[in-house]
């Protein structure tokens, strides 16, 4: 469903990093952009957010999420739950096709339109067409290397790009 993007977030040793590839596809197999940035810094640069899915839908969700962060004074979990509730129940928002990964120094969360707000047990989450590959790579790197959160996120995406045709190696990394 969410082909053409891979996002991974890693929390390790008091730091958090999020990485996204740059590929944007149109239809089946047509690459229209190689260097897109699918990550944002929100709420006074204290929150990282990335998306998989429709770009327009993701921007609409980023805007709503920013509003929730402002209302909740930057409290990530509270804002995420409020967005998920609204996303699940609002007639317009229910039609949006995207997944959000959001993080601050304390938490990494996955937010979906079904009302889910999921915090992974190990502080690592990945979404998108190469998400499974990036997740496996990030977990292995976190367990078996001394890499930082940013190094793990970047390397996990590079590994995913070697396997997934919908993921490229033009990686953007944001860190807190």
Protein backbone atom coordinates (compact mmCIF):
# COMPACT_ATOMS: atom_id res chain seq x y z
CA UNK A 1 0.00 0.00 0.00
CA UNK A 2 2.73 2.49 0.91
CA UNK A 3 5.22 1.89 -1.87
CA UNK A 4 7.95 4.34 -2.60
CA UNK A 5 9.13 5.31 0.86
CA UNK A 6 11.01 3.93 3.81
CA UNK A 7 11.31 5.62 7.21
CA UNK A 8 13.16 4.24 10.23
CA UNK A 9 13.47 5.70 13.73
CA UNK A 10 15.95 4.55 16.34
CA UNK A 11 16.20 5.48 20.02
CA UNK A 12 19.49 4.53 21.67
CA UNK A 13 21.62 5.80 24.54
CA UNK A 14 19.52 8.91 25.16
CA UNK A 15 19.50 9.96 21.50
CA UNK A 16 16.94 9.48 18.79
CA UNK A 17 17.43 9.51 15.03
CA UNK A 18 15.07 9.23 12.11
CA UNK A 19 16.05 8.49 8.53
CA UNK A 20 14.11 8.51 5.29
CA UNK A 21 14.97 7.71 1.72
CA UNK A 22 14.38 10.19 -1.08
CA UNK A 23 12.46 8.22 -3.69
CA UNK A 24 9.03 9.34 -4.90
CA UNK A 25 7.23 7.05 -7.29
CA UNK A 26 4.25 7.63 -9.55
CA UNK A 27 2.18 4.58 -10.35
CA UNK A 28 3.92 1.27 -10.85
CA UNK A 29 7.66 1.61 -11.10
CA UNK A 30 8.05 5.21 -12.32
CA UNK A 31 10.49 7.27 -10.25
CA UNK A 32 9.65 10.97 -10.45
CA UNK A 33 12.00 12.27 -7.75
CA UNK A 34 15.12 10.86 -6.13
CA UNK A 35 15.89 13.43 -3.45
CA UNK A 36 12.63 14.11 -1.59
CA UNK A 37 12.78 14.89 2.13
CA UNK A 38 10.13 12.99 4.07
CA UNK A 39 11.17 14.09 7.54
CA UNK A 40 10.23 17.18 9.50
CA UNK A 41 11.26 18.82 12.76
CA UNK A 42 8.23 19.99 14.72
CA UNK A 43 7.45 21.87 17.92
CA UNK A 44 10.50 24.05 18.43
CA UNK A 45 12.74 21.39 16.81
CA UNK A 46 12.05 19.00 19.73
CA UNK A 47 10.01 16.45 17.74
CA UNK A 48 10.97 14.47 14.64
CA UNK A 49 8.29 13.25 12.24
CA UNK A 50 8.42 11.14 9.10
CA UNK A 51 5.78 9.63 6.84
CA UNK A 52 5.02 6.82 4.47
CA UNK A 53 2.12 7.07 2.07
CA UNK A 54 0.50 9.85 0.13
CA UNK A 55 2.51 13.07 0.29
CA UNK A 56 -0.53 15.34 0.33
CA UNK A 57 -2.15 13.23 3.04
CA UNK A 58 1.04 13.26 5.09
CA UNK A 59 1.29 17.04 4.89
CA UNK A 60 -2.32 17.35 6.07
CA UNK A 61 -1.47 15.05 9.00
CA UNK A 62 1.74 16.93 9.83
CA UNK A 63 -0.31 20.13 10.00
CA UNK A 64 -2.89 18.54 12.31
CA UNK A 65 -0.20 16.96 14.45
CA UNK A 66 1.63 20.27 14.81
CA UNK A 67 -1.62 21.78 16.05
CA UNK A 68 -2.02 18.99 18.60
CA UNK A 69 1.58 19.49 19.77
CA UNK A 70 0.91 23.20 20.29
CA UNK A 71 -2.31 22.45 22.20
CA UNK A 72 -0.53 19.89 24.40
CA UNK A 73 2.64 21.99 24.91
CA UNK A 74 4.91 19.52 23.12
CA UNK A 75 3.76 16.40 24.98
CA UNK A 76 4.37 13.82 22.27
CA UNK A 77 2.28 10.90 23.52
CA UNK A 78 -0.73 13.04 24.38
CA UNK A 79 -0.64 14.81 21.02
CA UNK A 80 -0.24 11.47 19.20
CA UNK A 81 -3.27 9.95 20.95
CA UNK A 82 -5.36 13.04 20.18
CA UNK A 83 -4.36 12.91 16.50
CA UNK A 84 -5.10 9.17 16.29
CA UNK A 85 -8.57 9.68 17.81
CA UNK A 86 -9.35 12.50 15.41
CA UNK A 87 -7.90 10.60 12.45
CA UNK A 88 -10.03 7.54 13.20
CA UNK A 89 -13.30 9.43 13.74
CA UNK A 90 -13.18 12.42 11.37
CA UNK A 91 -14.93 11.80 8.04
CA UNK A 92 -12.25 13.64 6.03
CA UNK A 93 -9.20 12.37 7.90
CA UNK A 94 -10.34 8.72 7.77
CA UNK A 95 -9.65 8.75 4.03
CA UNK A 96 -6.03 9.82 4.40
CA UNK A 97 -3.52 7.15 3.39
CA UNK A 98 -0.33 7.61 5.35
CA UNK A 99 1.51 6.43 8.42
CA UNK A 100 3.40 8.76 10.74
CA UNK A 101 6.48 7.99 12.77
CA UNK A 102 7.11 10.61 15.46
CA UNK A 103 9.80 10.83 18.11
CA UNK A 104 11.29 12.93 20.85
CA UNK A 105 14.20 12.08 23.15
CA UNK A 106 11.95 9.88 25.32
CA UNK A 107 9.67 8.07 22.86
CA UNK A 108 9.35 6.74 19.35
CA UNK A 109 5.75 6.27 18.18
CA UNK A 110 3.92 4.95 15.13
CA UNK A 111 0.54 6.62 14.44
CA UNK A 112 -2.02 5.21 12.02
CA UNK A 113 -5.48 6.11 10.80
CA UNK A 114 -6.99 3.09 12.52
CA UNK A 115 -6.45 4.81 15.84
CA UNK A 116 -3.22 3.02 16.71
CA UNK A 117 -0.43 4.72 18.62
CA UNK A 118 2.31 2.15 19.04
CA UNK A 119 5.54 2.54 21.00
CA UNK A 120 7.96 -0.25 20.05
CA UNK A 121 9.54 -2.23 22.89
CA UNK A 122 13.07 -1.69 21.61
CA UNK A 123 12.80 1.95 20.49
CA UNK A 124 13.03 1.03 16.80
CA UNK A 125 10.24 1.38 14.25
CA UNK A 126 10.17 1.41 10.44
CA UNK A 127 7.40 1.95 7.90
CA UNK A 128 6.94 2.00 4.17
CA UNK A 129 7.78 -0.36 1.37
CA UNK A 130 11.24 -1.11 2.72
CA UNK A 131 10.16 -0.88 6.34
CA UNK A 132 10.53 -4.57 7.14
CA UNK A 133 14.06 -4.65 5.74
CA UNK A 134 15.05 -1.45 7.54
CA UNK A 135 13.54 -2.70 10.81
CA UNK A 136 15.46 -5.99 10.67
CA UNK A 137 18.70 -4.23 9.79
CA UNK A 138 18.26 -1.60 12.53
CA UNK A 139 17.56 -4.23 15.18
CA UNK A 140 20.62 -6.25 14.18
CA UNK A 141 22.83 -3.15 14.13
CA UNK A 142 21.53 -1.98 17.51
CA UNK A 143 22.21 -5.37 19.08
CA UNK A 144 25.57 -6.16 17.52
CA UNK A 145 27.41 -2.88 16.96
CA UNK A 146 28.40 0.17 18.95
CA UNK A 147 26.81 2.46 16.35
CA UNK A 148 24.95 5.58 17.45
CA UNK A 149 21.22 6.01 16.78
CA UNK A 150 22.01 8.10 13.68
CA UNK A 151 24.50 5.60 12.32
CA UNK A 152 22.04 2.75 12.82
CA UNK A 153 19.22 4.64 11.07
CA UNK A 154 21.42 5.54 8.07
CA UNK A 155 22.93 2.05 7.70
CA UNK A 156 19.54 0.35 8.08
CA UNK A 157 18.17 2.42 5.20
CA UNK A 158 21.21 1.74 3.04
CA UNK A 159 20.64 -1.99 3.60
CA UNK A 160 16.93 -1.63 2.79
CA UNK A 161 17.85 0.25 -0.42
CA UNK A 162 19.93 -2.73 -1.53
CA UNK A 163 16.88 -5.01 -1.22
CA UNK A 164 13.75 -2.92 -1.88
CA UNK A 165 13.24 -1.44 -5.35
CA UNK A 166 10.99 1.26 -3.85
CA UNK A 167 13.74 2.54 -1.53
CA UNK A 168 16.75 4.53 -2.71
CA UNK A 169 20.05 5.47 -1.13
CA UNK A 170 19.47 9.23 -0.98
CA UNK A 171 19.08 9.27 2.78
CA UNK A 172 18.11 12.14 5.05
CA UNK A 173 18.86 11.73 8.76
CA UNK A 174 17.59 13.95 11.56
CA UNK A 175 18.79 13.52 15.14
CA UNK A 176 17.86 14.75 18.60
